[in-house]
Amino acid sequence: MMQVDYPFHIDGRGRTATTDDNDHIRDLIEQVLFTAPGERVNRPTFGSGLLQLVFEPNSASLGAATQLSVQGALQQWLGDLILVEAVQVESEESTVQVLVQYIVRRTQQRKVTQFQRSA
């Protein structure tokens, strides 16, 4: 089944760009990771608050707490689509890198995806 691609854009044919299910799940994970709670009007708790990590002093306890909150947000919002196995979060200067290991529930395929954002 084809889904609307994220971020929204127009394809080469002048139509709304679409993507397959695997890429759509990756897009959904990216939206949960990089959306701040309160950013969406009709879903004020949606998101993980991950980008605030860039502005916090780096420590082992902050890293562990961030990993748990990110994993919880993914389970809460995408738990019907994926089973999150592991989340690794690294913050270096103004860049956040996230590695997510998960299983797609519908196909039972194991996936590992990396995301990176700079402040």
C-alpha atoms as a PDB file:
ATOM      1  CA  MET A   1       0.000   0.000   0.000  1.00  0.00           C
ATOM      2  CA  MET A   2       1.336   3.439  -0.874  1.00  0.00           C
ATOM      3  CA  GLN A   3       1.478   6.236   1.708  1.00  0.00           C
ATOM      4  CA  VAL A   4       2.064   9.989   1.456  1.00  0.00           C
ATOM      5  CA  ASP A   5       5.816  10.639   1.714  1.00  0.00           C
ATOM      6  CA  TYR A   6       7.294  12.748   4.505  1.00  0.00           C
ATOM      7  CA  PRO A   7       8.179  15.521   4.281  1.00  0.00           C
ATOM      8  CA  PHE A   8       5.305  16.346   1.956  1.00  0.00           C
ATOM      9  CA  HIS A   9       6.434  17.183  -1.564  1.00  0.00           C
ATOM     10  CA  ILE A  10       5.385  16.907  -5.195  1.00  0.00           C
ATOM     11  CA  ASP A  11       6.911  14.143  -7.320  1.00  0.00           C
ATOM     12  CA  GLY A  12       8.209  14.417 -10.884  1.00  0.00           C
ATOM     13  CA  ARG A  13       4.718  13.824 -12.298  1.00  0.00           C
ATOM     14  CA  GLY A  14       3.258  16.809 -10.436  1.00  0.00           C
ATOM     15  CA  ARG A  15       1.423  14.616  -7.914  1.00  0.00           C
ATOM     16  CA  THR A  16       1.701  14.130  -4.187  1.00  0.00           C
ATOM     17  CA  ALA A  17       4.797  11.993  -3.586  1.00  0.00           C
ATOM     18  CA  THR A  18       4.153   8.533  -2.169  1.00  0.00           C
ATOM     19  CA  THR A  19       6.291   5.910  -0.477  1.00  0.00           C
ATOM     20  CA  ASP A  20       6.135   2.234   0.453  1.00  0.00           C
ATOM     21  CA  ASP A  21       5.215   0.875   3.896  1.00  0.00           C
ATOM     22  CA  ASN A  22       8.806   0.445   5.128  1.00  0.00           C
ATOM     23  CA  ASP A  23       9.787   4.007   4.280  1.00  0.00           C
ATOM     24  CA  HIS A  24       6.499   5.245   5.736  1.00  0.00           C
ATOM     25  CA  ILE A  25       7.312   3.604   9.087  1.00  0.00           C
ATOM     26  CA  ARG A  26      10.759   5.222   9.009  1.00  0.00           C
ATOM     27  CA  ASP A  27       9.070   8.582   8.334  1.00  0.00           C
ATOM     28  CA  LEU A  28       6.733   8.041  11.301  1.00  0.00           C
ATOM     29  CA  ILE A  29       9.673   7.248  13.599  1.00  0.00           C
ATOM     30  CA  GLU A  30      11.406  10.439  12.458  1.00  0.00           C
ATOM     31  CA  GLN A  31       8.272  12.464  13.226  1.00  0.00           C
ATOM     32  CA  VAL A  32       8.016  11.030  16.761  1.00  0.00           C
ATOM     33  CA  LEU A  33      11.724  11.619  17.428  1.00  0.00           C
ATOM     34  CA  PHE A  34      11.957  15.200  16.246  1.00  0.00           C
ATOM     35  CA  THR A  35       8.573  16.597  17.248  1.00  0.00           C
ATOM     36  CA  ALA A  36       8.512  18.418  20.581  1.00  0.00           C
ATOM     37  CA  PRO A  37       5.576  17.705  22.901  1.00  0.00           C
ATOM     38  CA  GLY A  38       3.124  20.589  22.561  1.00  0.00           C
ATOM     39  CA  GLU A  39       4.097  21.266  18.949  1.00  0.00           C
ATOM     40  CA  ARG A  40       0.956  19.633  17.502  1.00  0.00           C
ATOM     41  CA  VAL A  41      -2.294  21.324  18.447  1.00  0.00           C
ATOM     42  CA  ASN A  42      -4.583  18.288  18.419  1.00  0.00           C
ATOM     43  CA  ARG A  43      -1.977  15.934  19.931  1.00  0.00           C
ATOM     44  CA  PRO A  44      -0.208  17.928  22.656  1.00  0.00           C
ATOM     45  CA  THR A  45       1.638  14.892  24.046  1.00  0.00           C
ATOM     46  CA  PHE A  46       2.913  13.674  20.655  1.00  0.00           C
ATOM     47  CA  GLY A  47       6.688  13.606  20.289  1.00  0.00           C
ATOM     48  CA  SER A  48       9.748  12.776  22.320  1.00  0.00           C
ATOM     49  CA  GLY A  49      11.409  16.083  23.221  1.00  0.00           C
ATOM     50  CA  LEU A  50      14.680  14.745  21.845  1.00  0.00           C
ATOM     51  CA  LEU A  51      15.910  18.022  20.366  1.00  0.00           C
ATOM     52  CA  GLN A  52      16.103  19.640  23.809  1.00  0.00           C
ATOM     53  CA  LEU A  53      19.001  17.233  24.480  1.00  0.00           C
ATOM     54  CA  VAL A  54      21.277  19.379  22.320  1.00  0.00           C
ATOM     55  CA  PHE A  55      20.994  22.227  24.827  1.00  0.00           C
ATOM     56  CA  GLU A  56      21.557  20.137  27.986  1.00  0.00           C
ATOM     57  CA  PRO A  57      24.956  19.395  29.570  1.00  0.00           C
ATOM     58  CA  ASN A  58      26.107  15.969  28.404  1.00  0.00           C
ATOM     59  CA  SER A  59      26.137  13.216  31.050  1.00  0.00           C
ATOM     60  CA  ALA A  60      25.582   9.469  31.313  1.00  0.00           C
ATOM     61  CA  SER A  61      22.396   9.887  33.360  1.00  0.00           C
ATOM     62  CA  LEU A  62      20.926  12.338  30.844  1.00  0.00           C
ATOM     63  CA  GLY A  63      21.736   9.911  28.023  1.00  0.00           C
ATOM     64  CA  ALA A  64      20.045   7.009  29.808  1.00  0.00           C
ATOM     65  CA  ALA A  65      16.957   9.073  30.648  1.00  0.00           C
ATOM     66  CA  THR A  66      16.733  10.293  27.059  1.00  0.00           C
ATOM     67  CA  GLN A  67      16.958   6.766  25.673  1.00  0.00           C
ATOM     68  CA  LEU A  68      14.135   5.623  27.948  1.00  0.00           C
ATOM     69  CA  SER A  69      11.890   8.569  27.100  1.00  0.00           C
ATOM     70  CA  VAL A  70      12.502   8.159  23.358  1.00  0.00           C
ATOM     71  CA  GLN A  71      11.791   4.420  23.528  1.00  0.00           C
ATOM     72  CA  GLY A  72       8.612   5.126  25.521  1.00  0.00           C
ATOM     73  CA  ALA A  73       7.414   7.716  22.994  1.00  0.00           C
ATOM     74  CA  LEU A  74       8.014   5.312  20.106  1.00  0.00           C
ATOM     75  CA  GLN A  75       6.107   2.542  21.895  1.00  0.00           C
ATOM     76  CA  GLN A  76       3.249   4.884  22.792  1.00  0.00           C
ATOM     77  CA  TRP A  77       2.729   6.354  19.331  1.00  0.00           C
ATOM     78  CA  LEU A  78       3.897   3.532  17.043  1.00  0.00           C
ATOM     79  CA  GLY A  79       3.459   0.436  19.211  1.00  0.00           C
ATOM     80  CA  ASP A  80       0.798  -0.980  16.909  1.00  0.00           C
ATOM     81  CA  LEU A  81       3.223  -0.804  13.936  1.00  0.00           C
ATOM     82  CA  ILE A  82       6.617  -1.623  15.458  1.00  0.00           C
ATOM     83  CA  LEU A  83       8.240  -3.375  18.395  1.00  0.00           C
ATOM     84  CA  VAL A  84      11.156  -1.241  19.575  1.00  0.00           C
ATOM     85  CA  GLU A  85      14.127  -3.419  20.527  1.00  0.00           C
ATOM     86  CA  ALA A  86      16.777  -0.793  21.231  1.00  0.00           C
ATOM     87  CA  VAL A  87      17.397   2.935  21.082  1.00  0.00           C
ATOM     88  CA  GLN A  88      20.824   4.581  21.223  1.00  0.00           C
ATOM     89  CA  VAL A  89      21.075   8.342  21.578  1.00  0.00           C
ATOM     90  CA  GLU A  90      24.336  10.270  21.224  1.00  0.00           C
ATOM     91  CA  SER A  91      24.754  14.013  21.545  1.00  0.00           C
ATOM     92  CA  GLU A  92      27.918  15.717  20.346  1.00  0.00           C
ATOM     93  CA  GLU A  93      28.081  19.504  20.408  1.00  0.00           C
ATOM     94  CA  SER A  94      25.042  20.617  18.376  1.00  0.00           C
ATOM     95  CA  THR A  95      24.232  17.256  16.767  1.00  0.00           C
ATOM     96  CA  VAL A  96      21.967  14.467  18.007  1.00  0.00           C
ATOM     97  CA  GLN A  97      22.303  10.982  16.520  1.00  0.00           C
ATOM     98  CA  VAL A  98      19.699   8.299  17.183  1.00  0.00           C
ATOM     99  CA  LEU A  99      19.902   4.633  16.265  1.00  0.00           C
ATOM    100  CA  VAL A 100      16.603   2.728  16.468  1.00  0.00           C
ATOM    101  CA  GLN A 101      16.386  -1.051  16.193  1.00  0.00           C
ATOM    102  CA  TYR A 102      12.848  -2.355  15.718  1.00  0.00           C
ATOM    103  CA  ILE A 103      10.684  -5.114  14.285  1.00  0.00           C
ATOM    104  CA  VAL A 104       7.878  -4.286  11.863  1.00  0.00           C
ATOM    105  CA  ARG A 105       4.893  -6.086  13.386  1.00  0.00           C
ATOM    106  CA  ARG A 106       3.087  -6.781  10.097  1.00  0.00           C
ATOM    107  CA  THR A 107       6.070  -8.457   8.363  1.00  0.00           C
ATOM    108  CA  GLN A 108       8.237  -9.435  11.377  1.00  0.00           C
ATOM    109  CA  GLN A 109      11.226  -7.829   9.630  1.00  0.00           C
ATOM    110  CA  ARG A 110      14.001  -6.480  11.859  1.00  0.00           C
ATOM    111  CA  LYS A 111      15.180  -2.991  10.897  1.00  0.00           C
ATOM    112  CA  VAL A 112      17.913  -0.656  12.117  1.00  0.00           C
ATOM    113  CA  THR A 113      17.595   3.004  11.212  1.00  0.00           C
ATOM    114  CA  GLN A 114      19.795   5.980  12.042  1.00  0.00           C
ATOM    115  CA  PHE A 115      18.656   9.595  12.317  1.00  0.00           C
ATOM    116  CA  GLN A 116      20.694  12.760  12.766  1.00  0.00           C
ATOM    117  CA  ARG A 117      19.725  16.366  13.462  1.00  0.00           C
ATOM    118  CA  SER A 118      21.694  19.496  14.175  1.00  0.00           C
ATOM    119  CA  ALA A 119      20.414  22.376  16.243  1.00  0.00           C
END
